[in-house]
Amino acid sequence: MLPCFFKSYTGLDCIGCGIQRSINFLFHGEFIKAFEIFPAIYTTILFFVFIGLHLLDKNRKYHNVVIFFAITNASIMIISYVYKMKFLY
């Protein structure tokens, strides 16, 4: 796994810490552990799927869906980061 640049210099987790381990858990079929490590993993996947669809299929308008998943993903990441910093450390 690649080391987290932010964590290596500050000692604190960044907002995206855990995404590599979460993807690894997904590849091994451990879906609950993937969610526990990085709660925004599923919205992140959907976000990138719809970005790909938006770039590939110009006939359909995926702009609103991409914006929705971007806001949802950012919200989940911020809420889980605040929770982790406040209650787990």
PDB file of N, CA and C in Angstrom:
ATOM      1  N   MET A   1       0.832  -1.179   0.000  1.00  0.00           N
ATOM      2  CA  MET A   1       0.000   0.000   0.000  1.00  0.00           C
ATOM      3  C   MET A   1       0.884   1.252   0.000  1.00  0.00           C
ATOM      4  N   LEU A   2       0.412   2.268  -0.651  1.00  0.00           N
ATOM      5  CA  LEU A   2       1.119   3.540  -0.668  1.00  0.00           C
ATOM      6  C   LEU A   2       0.931   4.250   0.670  1.00  0.00           C
ATOM      7  N   PRO A   3       1.977   4.854   1.204  1.00  0.00           N
ATOM      8  CA  PRO A   3       1.814   5.572   2.470  1.00  0.00           C
ATOM      9  C   PRO A   3       1.059   6.884   2.253  1.00  0.00           C
ATOM     10  N   CYS A   4       0.323   7.285   3.257  1.00  0.00           N
ATOM     11  CA  CYS A   4      -0.416   8.542   3.205  1.00  0.00           C
ATOM     12  C   CYS A   4       0.554   9.684   3.480  1.00  0.00           C
ATOM     13  N   PHE A   5       0.675  10.597   2.536  1.00  0.00           N
ATOM     14  CA  PHE A   5       1.586  11.731   2.657  1.00  0.00           C
ATOM     15  C   PHE A   5       1.202  12.603   3.859  1.00  0.00           C
ATOM     16  N   PHE A   6      -0.083  12.886   4.008  1.00  0.00           N
ATOM     17  CA  PHE A   6      -0.552  13.737   5.104  1.00  0.00           C
ATOM     18  C   PHE A   6      -0.284  13.098   6.457  1.00  0.00           C
ATOM     19  N   LYS A   7      -0.589  11.801   6.567  1.00  0.00           N
ATOM     20  CA  LYS A   7      -0.404  11.105   7.838  1.00  0.00           C
ATOM     21  C   LYS A   7       1.068  10.946   8.194  1.00  0.00           C
ATOM     22  N   SER A   8       1.919  10.760   7.199  1.00  0.00           N
ATOM     23  CA  SER A   8       3.338  10.583   7.489  1.00  0.00           C
ATOM     24  C   SER A   8       3.985  11.861   8.028  1.00  0.00           C
ATOM     25  N   TYR A   9       3.442  13.021   7.643  1.00  0.00           N
ATOM     26  CA  TYR A   9       4.022  14.283   8.118  1.00  0.00           C
ATOM     27  C   TYR A   9       3.313  14.874   9.325  1.00  0.00           C
ATOM     28  N   THR A  10       2.017  14.598   9.491  1.00  0.00           N
ATOM     29  CA  THR A  10       1.287  15.187  10.619  1.00  0.00           C
ATOM     30  C   THR A  10       0.966  14.185  11.720  1.00  0.00           C
ATOM     31  N   GLY A  11       0.918  12.913  11.376  1.00  0.00           N
ATOM     32  CA  GLY A  11       0.541  11.899  12.352  1.00  0.00           C
ATOM     33  C   GLY A  11      -0.965  11.719  12.466  1.00  0.00           C
ATOM     34  N   LEU A  12      -1.732  12.510  11.712  1.00  0.00           N
ATOM     35  CA  LEU A  12      -3.189  12.420  11.723  1.00  0.00           C
ATOM     36  C   LEU A  12      -3.681  11.790  10.423  1.00  0.00           C
ATOM     37  N   ASP A  13      -4.803  11.103  10.507  1.00  0.00           N
ATOM     38  CA  ASP A  13      -5.414  10.561   9.298  1.00  0.00           C
ATOM     39  C   ASP A  13      -5.918  11.701   8.425  1.00  0.00           C
ATOM     40  N   CYS A  14      -5.856  11.508   7.122  1.00  0.00           N
ATOM     41  CA  CYS A  14      -6.464  12.478   6.207  1.00  0.00           C
ATOM     42  C   CYS A  14      -7.903  12.047   5.946  1.00  0.00           C
ATOM     43  N   ILE A  15      -8.622  12.859   5.221  1.00  0.00           N
ATOM     44  CA  ILE A  15     -10.035  12.557   4.962  1.00  0.00           C
ATOM     45  C   ILE A  15     -10.206  11.329   4.075  1.00  0.00           C
ATOM     46  N   GLY A  16      -9.189  10.989   3.309  1.00  0.00           N
ATOM     47  CA  GLY A  16      -9.268   9.823   2.422  1.00  0.00           C
ATOM     48  C   GLY A  16      -8.538   8.604   2.936  1.00  0.00           C
ATOM     49  N   CYS A  17      -7.996   8.680   4.150  1.00  0.00           N
ATOM     50  CA  CYS A  17      -7.274   7.530   4.699  1.00  0.00           C
ATOM     51  C   CYS A  17      -8.207   6.329   4.815  1.00  0.00           C
ATOM     52  N   GLY A  18      -7.745   5.218   4.356  1.00  0.00           N
ATOM     53  CA  GLY A  18      -8.495   3.982   4.428  1.00  0.00           C
ATOM     54  C   GLY A  18      -9.058   3.534   3.093  1.00  0.00           C
ATOM     55  N   ILE A  19      -8.992   4.381   2.084  1.00  0.00           N
ATOM     56  CA  ILE A  19      -9.597   4.002   0.803  1.00  0.00           C
ATOM     57  C   ILE A  19      -8.841   2.848   0.142  1.00  0.00           C
ATOM     58  N   GLN A  20      -7.514   2.818   0.270  1.00  0.00           N
ATOM     59  CA  GLN A  20      -6.752   1.712  -0.324  1.00  0.00           C
ATOM     60  C   GLN A  20      -7.090   0.390   0.350  1.00  0.00           C
ATOM     61  N   ARG A  21      -7.135   0.394   1.667  1.00  0.00           N
ATOM     62  CA  ARG A  21      -7.478  -0.836   2.387  1.00  0.00           C
ATOM     63  C   ARG A  21      -8.913  -1.245   2.102  1.00  0.00           C
ATOM     64  N   SER A  22      -9.801  -0.254   1.968  1.00  0.00           N
ATOM     65  CA  SER A  22     -11.194  -0.542   1.673  1.00  0.00           C
ATOM     66  C   SER A  22     -11.342  -1.200   0.300  1.00  0.00           C
ATOM     67  N   ILE A  23     -10.624  -0.712  -0.695  1.00  0.00           N
ATOM     68  CA  ILE A  23     -10.657  -1.321  -2.024  1.00  0.00           C
ATOM     69  C   ILE A  23     -10.084  -2.732  -1.977  1.00  0.00           C
ATOM     70  N   ASN A  24      -9.052  -2.917  -1.182  1.00  0.00           N
ATOM     71  CA  ASN A  24      -8.470  -4.250  -1.017  1.00  0.00           C
ATOM     72  C   ASN A  24      -9.492  -5.209  -0.406  1.00  0.00           C
ATOM     73  N   PHE A  25     -10.216  -4.751   0.612  1.00  0.00           N
ATOM     74  CA  PHE A  25     -11.258  -5.585   1.209  1.00  0.00           C
ATOM     75  C   PHE A  25     -12.357  -5.905   0.191  1.00  0.00           C
ATOM     76  N   LEU A  26     -12.714  -4.941  -0.658  1.00  0.00           N
ATOM     77  CA  LEU A  26     -13.726  -5.195  -1.688  1.00  0.00           C
ATOM     78  C   LEU A  26     -13.270  -6.293  -2.642  1.00  0.00           C
ATOM     79  N   PHE A  27     -12.011  -6.220  -3.069  1.00  0.00           N
ATOM     80  CA  PHE A  27     -11.491  -7.235  -3.979  1.00  0.00           C
ATOM     81  C   PHE A  27     -11.464  -8.620  -3.349  1.00  0.00           C
ATOM     82  N   HIS A  28     -11.379  -8.681  -2.030  1.00  0.00           N
ATOM     83  CA  HIS A  28     -11.378  -9.964  -1.328  1.00  0.00           C
ATOM     84  C   HIS A  28     -12.773 -10.367  -0.864  1.00  0.00           C
ATOM     85  N   GLY A  29     -13.789  -9.577  -1.240  1.00  0.00           N
ATOM     86  CA  GLY A  29     -15.169  -9.934  -0.919  1.00  0.00           C
ATOM     87  C   GLY A  29     -15.608  -9.596   0.487  1.00  0.00           C
ATOM     88  N   GLU A  30     -14.854  -8.803   1.198  1.00  0.00           N
ATOM     89  CA  GLU A  30     -15.211  -8.424   2.563  1.00  0.00           C
ATOM     90  C   GLU A  30     -15.862  -7.045   2.534  1.00  0.00           C
ATOM     91  N   PHE A  31     -17.162  -7.020   2.184  1.00  0.00           N
ATOM     92  CA  PHE A  31     -17.873  -5.782   1.922  1.00  0.00           C
ATOM     93  C   PHE A  31     -18.152  -4.976   3.186  1.00  0.00           C
ATOM     94  N   ILE A  32     -18.422  -5.631   4.273  1.00  0.00           N
ATOM     95  CA  ILE A  32     -18.697  -4.919   5.526  1.00  0.00           C
ATOM     96  C   ILE A  32     -17.425  -4.279   6.061  1.00  0.00           C
ATOM     97  N   LYS A  33     -16.305  -5.000   6.019  1.00  0.00           N
ATOM     98  CA  LYS A  33     -15.032  -4.424   6.455  1.00  0.00           C
ATOM     99  C   LYS A  33     -14.644  -3.236   5.586  1.00  0.00           C
ATOM    100  N   ALA A  34     -14.927  -3.324   4.293  1.00  0.00           N
ATOM    101  CA  ALA A  34     -14.630  -2.209   3.386  1.00  0.00           C
ATOM    102  C   ALA A  34     -15.401  -0.968   3.819  1.00  0.00           C
ATOM    103  N   PHE A  35     -16.650  -1.154   4.182  1.00  0.00           N
ATOM    104  CA  PHE A  35     -17.468  -0.028   4.642  1.00  0.00           C
ATOM    105  C   PHE A  35     -16.991   0.499   5.986  1.00  0.00           C
ATOM    106  N   GLU A  36     -16.586  -0.393   6.873  1.00  0.00           N
ATOM    107  CA  GLU A  36     -16.110   0.045   8.195  1.00  0.00           C
ATOM    108  C   GLU A  36     -14.821   0.859   8.091  1.00  0.00           C
ATOM    109  N   ILE A  37     -13.933   0.480   7.195  1.00  0.00           N
ATOM    110  CA  ILE A  37     -12.675   1.195   7.025  1.00  0.00           C
ATOM    111  C   ILE A  37     -12.891   2.559   6.379  1.00  0.00           C
ATOM    112  N   PHE A  38     -13.721   2.608   5.336  1.00  0.00           N
ATOM    113  CA  PHE A  38     -13.960   3.844   4.588  1.00  0.00           C
ATOM    114  C   PHE A  38     -15.435   3.885   4.201  1.00  0.00           C
ATOM    115  N   PRO A  39     -16.283   4.538   5.000  1.00  0.00           N
ATOM    116  CA  PRO A  39     -17.738   4.512   4.766  1.00  0.00           C
ATOM    117  C   PRO A  39     -18.191   5.069   3.410  1.00  0.00           C
ATOM    118  N   ALA A  40     -17.379   5.877   2.773  1.00  0.00           N
ATOM    119  CA  ALA A  40     -17.785   6.459   1.494  1.00  0.00           C
ATOM    120  C   ALA A  40     -17.368   5.610   0.297  1.00  0.00           C
ATOM    121  N   ILE A  41     -16.970   4.372   0.515  1.00  0.00           N
ATOM    122  CA  ILE A  41     -16.443   3.552  -0.571  1.00  0.00           C
ATOM    123  C   ILE A  41     -17.482   3.302  -1.663  1.00  0.00           C
ATOM    124  N   TYR A  42     -18.708   3.026  -1.287  1.00  0.00           N
ATOM    125  CA  TYR A  42     -19.718   2.687  -2.293  1.00  0.00           C
ATOM    126  C   TYR A  42     -20.174   3.919  -3.067  1.00  0.00           C
ATOM    127  N   THR A  43     -20.299   5.055  -2.396  1.00  0.00           N
ATOM    128  CA  THR A  43     -20.651   6.274  -3.126  1.00  0.00           C
ATOM    129  C   THR A  43     -19.488   6.746  -4.000  1.00  0.00           C
ATOM    130  N   THR A  44     -18.264   6.463  -3.575  1.00  0.00           N
ATOM    131  CA  THR A  44     -17.099   6.802  -4.400  1.00  0.00           C
ATOM    132  C   THR A  44     -17.103   5.981  -5.685  1.00  0.00           C
ATOM    133  N   ILE A  45     -17.413   4.711  -5.576  1.00  0.00           N
ATOM    134  CA  ILE A  45     -17.478   3.848  -6.756  1.00  0.00           C
ATOM    135  C   ILE A  45     -18.575   4.333  -7.700  1.00  0.00           C
ATOM    136  N   LEU A  46     -19.759   4.622  -7.148  1.00  0.00           N
ATOM    137  CA  LEU A  46     -20.852   5.119  -7.988  1.00  0.00           C
ATOM    138  C   LEU A  46     -20.502   6.457  -8.626  1.00  0.00           C
ATOM    139  N   PHE A  47     -19.817   7.298  -7.880  1.00  0.00           N
ATOM    140  CA  PHE A  47     -19.382   8.591  -8.394  1.00  0.00           C
ATOM    141  C   PHE A  47     -18.496   8.403  -9.629  1.00  0.00           C
ATOM    142  N   PHE A  48     -17.511   7.518  -9.540  1.00  0.00           N
ATOM    143  CA  PHE A  48     -16.612   7.294 -10.673  1.00  0.00           C
ATOM    144  C   PHE A  48     -17.304   6.578 -11.834  1.00  0.00           C
ATOM    145  N   VAL A  49     -18.261   5.707 -11.540  1.00  0.00           N
ATOM    146  CA  VAL A  49     -19.030   5.057 -12.605  1.00  0.00           C
ATOM    147  C   VAL A  49     -19.799   6.108 -13.396  1.00  0.00           C
ATOM    148  N   PHE A  50     -20.458   7.033 -12.703  1.00  0.00           N
ATOM    149  CA  PHE A  50     -21.240   8.047 -13.404  1.00  0.00           C
ATOM    150  C   PHE A  50     -20.359   9.092 -14.077  1.00  0.00           C
ATOM    151  N   ILE A  51     -19.175   9.351 -13.553  1.00  0.00           N
ATOM    152  CA  ILE A  51     -18.240  10.221 -14.274  1.00  0.00           C
ATOM    153  C   ILE A  51     -17.832   9.551 -15.589  1.00  0.00           C
ATOM    154  N   GLY A  52     -17.559   8.253 -15.533  1.00  0.00           N
ATOM    155  CA  GLY A  52     -17.228   7.516 -16.751  1.00  0.00           C
ATOM    156  C   GLY A  52     -18.365   7.530 -17.755  1.00  0.00           C
ATOM    157  N   LEU A  53     -19.585   7.311 -17.277  1.00  0.00           N
ATOM    158  CA  LEU A  53     -20.741   7.363 -18.165  1.00  0.00           C
ATOM    159  C   LEU A  53     -20.920   8.761 -18.756  1.00  0.00           C
ATOM    160  N   HIS A  54     -20.692   9.765 -17.947  1.00  0.00           N
ATOM    161  CA  HIS A  54     -20.806  11.149 -18.406  1.00  0.00           C
ATOM    162  C   HIS A  54     -19.791  11.454 -19.504  1.00  0.00           C
ATOM    163  N   LEU A  55     -18.595  10.907 -19.374  1.00  0.00           N
ATOM    164  CA  LEU A  55     -17.562  11.149 -20.376  1.00  0.00           C
ATOM    165  C   LEU A  55     -17.766  10.318 -21.640  1.00  0.00           C
ATOM    166  N   LEU A  56     -18.321   9.116 -21.490  1.00  0.00           N
ATOM    167  CA  LEU A  56     -18.472   8.221 -22.631  1.00  0.00           C
ATOM    168  C   LEU A  56     -19.770   8.422 -23.413  1.00  0.00           C
ATOM    169  N   ASP A  57     -20.845   8.704 -22.713  1.00  0.00           N
ATOM    170  CA  ASP A  57     -22.160   8.819 -23.345  1.00  0.00           C
ATOM    171  C   ASP A  57     -22.592  10.279 -23.342  1.00  0.00           C
ATOM    172  N   LYS A  58     -22.344  10.955 -24.440  1.00  0.00           N
ATOM    173  CA  LYS A  58     -22.661  12.385 -24.537  1.00  0.00           C
ATOM    174  C   LYS A  58     -24.140  12.633 -24.817  1.00  0.00           C
ATOM    175  N   ASN A  59     -24.886  11.615 -25.215  1.00  0.00           N
ATOM    176  CA  ASN A  59     -26.300  11.792 -25.525  1.00  0.00           C
ATOM    177  C   ASN A  59     -27.151  11.971 -24.271  1.00  0.00           C
ATOM    178  N   ARG A  60     -26.772  11.316 -23.210  1.00  0.00           N
ATOM    179  CA  ARG A  60     -27.517  11.426 -21.954  1.00  0.00           C
ATOM    180  C   ARG A  60     -26.846  12.438 -21.047  1.00  0.00           C
ATOM    181  N   LYS A  61     -27.643  13.062 -20.224  1.00  0.00           N
ATOM    182  CA  LYS A  61     -27.142  14.091 -19.307  1.00  0.00           C
ATOM    183  C   LYS A  61     -26.948  13.479 -17.914  1.00  0.00           C
ATOM    184  N   TYR A  62     -25.713  13.195 -17.567  1.00  0.00           N
ATOM    185  CA  TYR A  62     -25.382  12.639 -16.255  1.00  0.00           C
ATOM    186  C   TYR A  62     -24.882  13.713 -15.296  1.00  0.00           C
ATOM    187  N   HIS A  63     -24.921  14.956 -15.722  1.00  0.00           N
ATOM    188  CA  HIS A  63     -24.355  16.046 -14.927  1.00  0.00           C
ATOM    189  C   HIS A  63     -24.985  16.122 -13.530  1.00  0.00           C
ATOM    190  N   ASN A  64     -26.306  16.076 -13.453  1.00  0.00           N
ATOM    191  CA  ASN A  64     -26.981  16.181 -12.153  1.00  0.00           C
ATOM    192  C   ASN A  64     -26.688  14.983 -11.261  1.00  0.00           C
ATOM    193  N   VAL A  65     -26.572  13.817 -11.847  1.00  0.00           N
ATOM    194  CA  VAL A  65     -26.270  12.611 -11.062  1.00  0.00           C
ATOM    195  C   VAL A  65     -24.846  12.685 -10.527  1.00  0.00           C
ATOM    196  N   VAL A  66     -23.917  13.159 -11.341  1.00  0.00           N
ATOM    197  CA  VAL A  66     -22.527  13.307 -10.901  1.00  0.00           C
ATOM    198  C   VAL A  66     -22.448  14.311  -9.760  1.00  0.00           C
ATOM    199  N   ILE A  67     -23.155  15.427  -9.876  1.00  0.00           N
ATOM    200  CA  ILE A  67     -23.172  16.439  -8.814  1.00  0.00           C
ATOM    201  C   ILE A  67     -23.768  15.848  -7.538  1.00  0.00           C
ATOM    202  N   PHE A  68     -24.860  15.093  -7.679  1.00  0.00           N
ATOM    203  CA  PHE A  68     -25.488  14.461  -6.513  1.00  0.00           C
ATOM    204  C   PHE A  68     -24.511  13.534  -5.793  1.00  0.00           C
ATOM    205  N   PHE A  69     -23.836  12.665  -6.543  1.00  0.00           N
ATOM    206  CA  PHE A  69     -22.908  11.734  -5.912  1.00  0.00           C
ATOM    207  C   PHE A  69     -21.665  12.432  -5.377  1.00  0.00           C
ATOM    208  N   ALA A  70     -21.252  13.530  -5.988  1.00  0.00           N
ATOM    209  CA  ALA A  70     -20.117  14.293  -5.460  1.00  0.00           C
ATOM    210  C   ALA A  70     -20.467  14.898  -4.107  1.00  0.00           C
ATOM    211  N   ILE A  71     -21.648  15.479  -3.998  1.00  0.00           N
ATOM    212  CA  ILE A  71     -22.075  16.078  -2.734  1.00  0.00           C
ATOM    213  C   ILE A  71     -22.299  15.002  -1.680  1.00  0.00           C
ATOM    214  N   THR A  72     -22.948  13.910  -2.074  1.00  0.00           N
ATOM    215  CA  THR A  72     -23.195  12.807  -1.132  1.00  0.00           C
ATOM    216  C   THR A  72     -21.884  12.210  -0.647  1.00  0.00           C
ATOM    217  N   ASN A  73     -20.971  11.976  -1.551  1.00  0.00           N
ATOM    218  CA  ASN A  73     -19.676  11.392  -1.209  1.00  0.00           C
ATOM    219  C   ASN A  73     -18.889  12.315  -0.278  1.00  0.00           C
ATOM    220  N   ALA A  74     -18.839  13.596  -0.615  1.00  0.00           N
ATOM    221  CA  ALA A  74     -18.117  14.552   0.234  1.00  0.00           C
ATOM    222  C   ALA A  74     -18.745  14.634   1.622  1.00  0.00           C
ATOM    223  N   SER A  75     -20.062  14.604   1.689  1.00  0.00           N
ATOM    224  CA  SER A  75     -20.744  14.665   2.983  1.00  0.00           C
ATOM    225  C   SER A  75     -20.416  13.451   3.844  1.00  0.00           C
ATOM    226  N   ILE A  76     -20.472  12.274   3.247  1.00  0.00           N
ATOM    227  CA  ILE A  76     -20.160  11.052   3.995  1.00  0.00           C
ATOM    228  C   ILE A  76     -18.708  11.069   4.459  1.00  0.00           C
ATOM    229  N   MET A  77     -17.808  11.519   3.596  1.00  0.00           N
ATOM    230  CA  MET A  77     -16.389  11.561   3.965  1.00  0.00           C
ATOM    231  C   MET A  77     -16.152  12.531   5.126  1.00  0.00           C
ATOM    232  N   ILE A  78     -16.768  13.685   5.087  1.00  0.00           N
ATOM    233  CA  ILE A  78     -16.575  14.680   6.146  1.00  0.00           C
ATOM    234  C   ILE A  78     -17.179  14.200   7.450  1.00  0.00           C
ATOM    235  N   ILE A  79     -18.394  13.665   7.405  1.00  0.00           N
ATOM    236  CA  ILE A  79     -19.050  13.180   8.622  1.00  0.00           C
ATOM    237  C   ILE A  79     -18.259  12.033   9.239  1.00  0.00           C
ATOM    238  N   SER A  80     -17.811  11.086   8.427  1.00  0.00           N
ATOM    239  CA  SER A  80     -17.054   9.959   8.978  1.00  0.00           C
ATOM    240  C   SER A  80     -15.690  10.406   9.508  1.00  0.00           C
ATOM    241  N   TYR A  81     -15.072  11.394   8.859  1.00  0.00           N
ATOM    242  CA  TYR A  81     -13.784  11.906   9.337  1.00  0.00           C
ATOM    243  C   TYR A  81     -13.941  12.604  10.680  1.00  0.00           C
ATOM    244  N   VAL A  82     -14.960  13.434  10.813  1.00  0.00           N
ATOM    245  CA  VAL A  82     -15.205  14.121  12.088  1.00  0.00           C
ATOM    246  C   VAL A  82     -15.514  13.111  13.177  1.00  0.00           C
ATOM    247  N   TYR A  83     -16.324  12.103  12.854  1.00  0.00           N
ATOM    248  CA  TYR A  83     -16.638  11.060  13.826  1.00  0.00           C
ATOM    249  C   TYR A  83     -15.374  10.319  14.260  1.00  0.00           C
ATOM    250  N   LYS A  84     -14.538   9.963  13.292  1.00  0.00           N
ATOM    251  CA  LYS A  84     -13.309   9.240  13.596  1.00  0.00           C
ATOM    252  C   LYS A  84     -12.374  10.067  14.473  1.00  0.00           C
ATOM    253  N   MET A  85     -12.233  11.339  14.157  1.00  0.00           N
ATOM    254  CA  MET A  85     -11.327  12.206  14.927  1.00  0.00           C
ATOM    255  C   MET A  85     -11.856  12.475  16.325  1.00  0.00           C
ATOM    256  N   LYS A  86     -13.179  12.591  16.453  1.00  0.00           N
ATOM    257  CA  LYS A  86     -13.755  12.941  17.745  1.00  0.00           C
ATOM    258  C   LYS A  86     -13.915  11.742  18.678  1.00  0.00           C
ATOM    259  N   PHE A  87     -14.361  10.610  18.148  1.00  0.00           N
ATOM    260  CA  PHE A  87     -14.703   9.499  19.006  1.00  0.00           C
ATOM    261  C   PHE A  87     -13.714   8.336  19.008  1.00  0.00           C
ATOM    262  N   LEU A  88     -12.901   8.208  17.983  1.00  0.00           N
ATOM    263  CA  LEU A  88     -12.005   7.059  17.918  1.00  0.00           C
ATOM    264  C   LEU A  88     -10.580   7.391  18.299  1.00  0.00           C
ATOM    265  N   TYR A  89     -10.246   8.655  18.408  1.00  0.00           N
ATOM    266  CA  TYR A  89      -8.879   9.027  18.797  1.00  0.00           C
ATOM    267  C   TYR A  89      -8.859   9.717  20.119  1.00  0.00           C
TER     268      TYR A  89
END
